[in-house]
């Protein structure tokens, strides 16, 4: 490779590494379903991206776009607590623990007692987003949204999921 080609490639890499990181990011859900009678149902409910990037001190907005599919949560969890297979997904230990902290009643369609958790403790104001146990419940109403202030330090990686649909998992990289 010529010295000019190396310089161009190095310059492009540096520019990409220094690309602007947004101070606000919007997290949305997407939904699709496939079904074959007497065979399977495939639920394609997910977050609209696998990885989000935001500046420390910025904002994450969690926004409902498909309310007919029920409520969701935006819940930060430790990597070890993310379900990795169907058995863990349908018997999600961290989901049950944090749903109880939210004050959810599994026998009711009513919203949970606490719409938010700060480090796993119920409250009714949006938490700062910086550690496992930070969570928000979003009712199934089109356009419903919650905003989080990202207080995690630069370089932090926050893994989040939906407690209602544990296969919905993504990562927030704080820059």
Foldseek 3Di string as FASTA:
>chain_A
DDPVVVVVVVVVVVCVVVPDAALEEEKEWDWDWDDDPPPDIDTPIAIPDQEHEHAQQGKYKYFYAALVVWKWKWFWADPVQQDDDPVCQVVRPVLVLLCVQQQHDPVDSDGHPAQWWELSHGDPAQYAPAHGNTMGMFGSDHGTMDMHGHNHDQQDKTKTAISVRRVHIHIYHYD
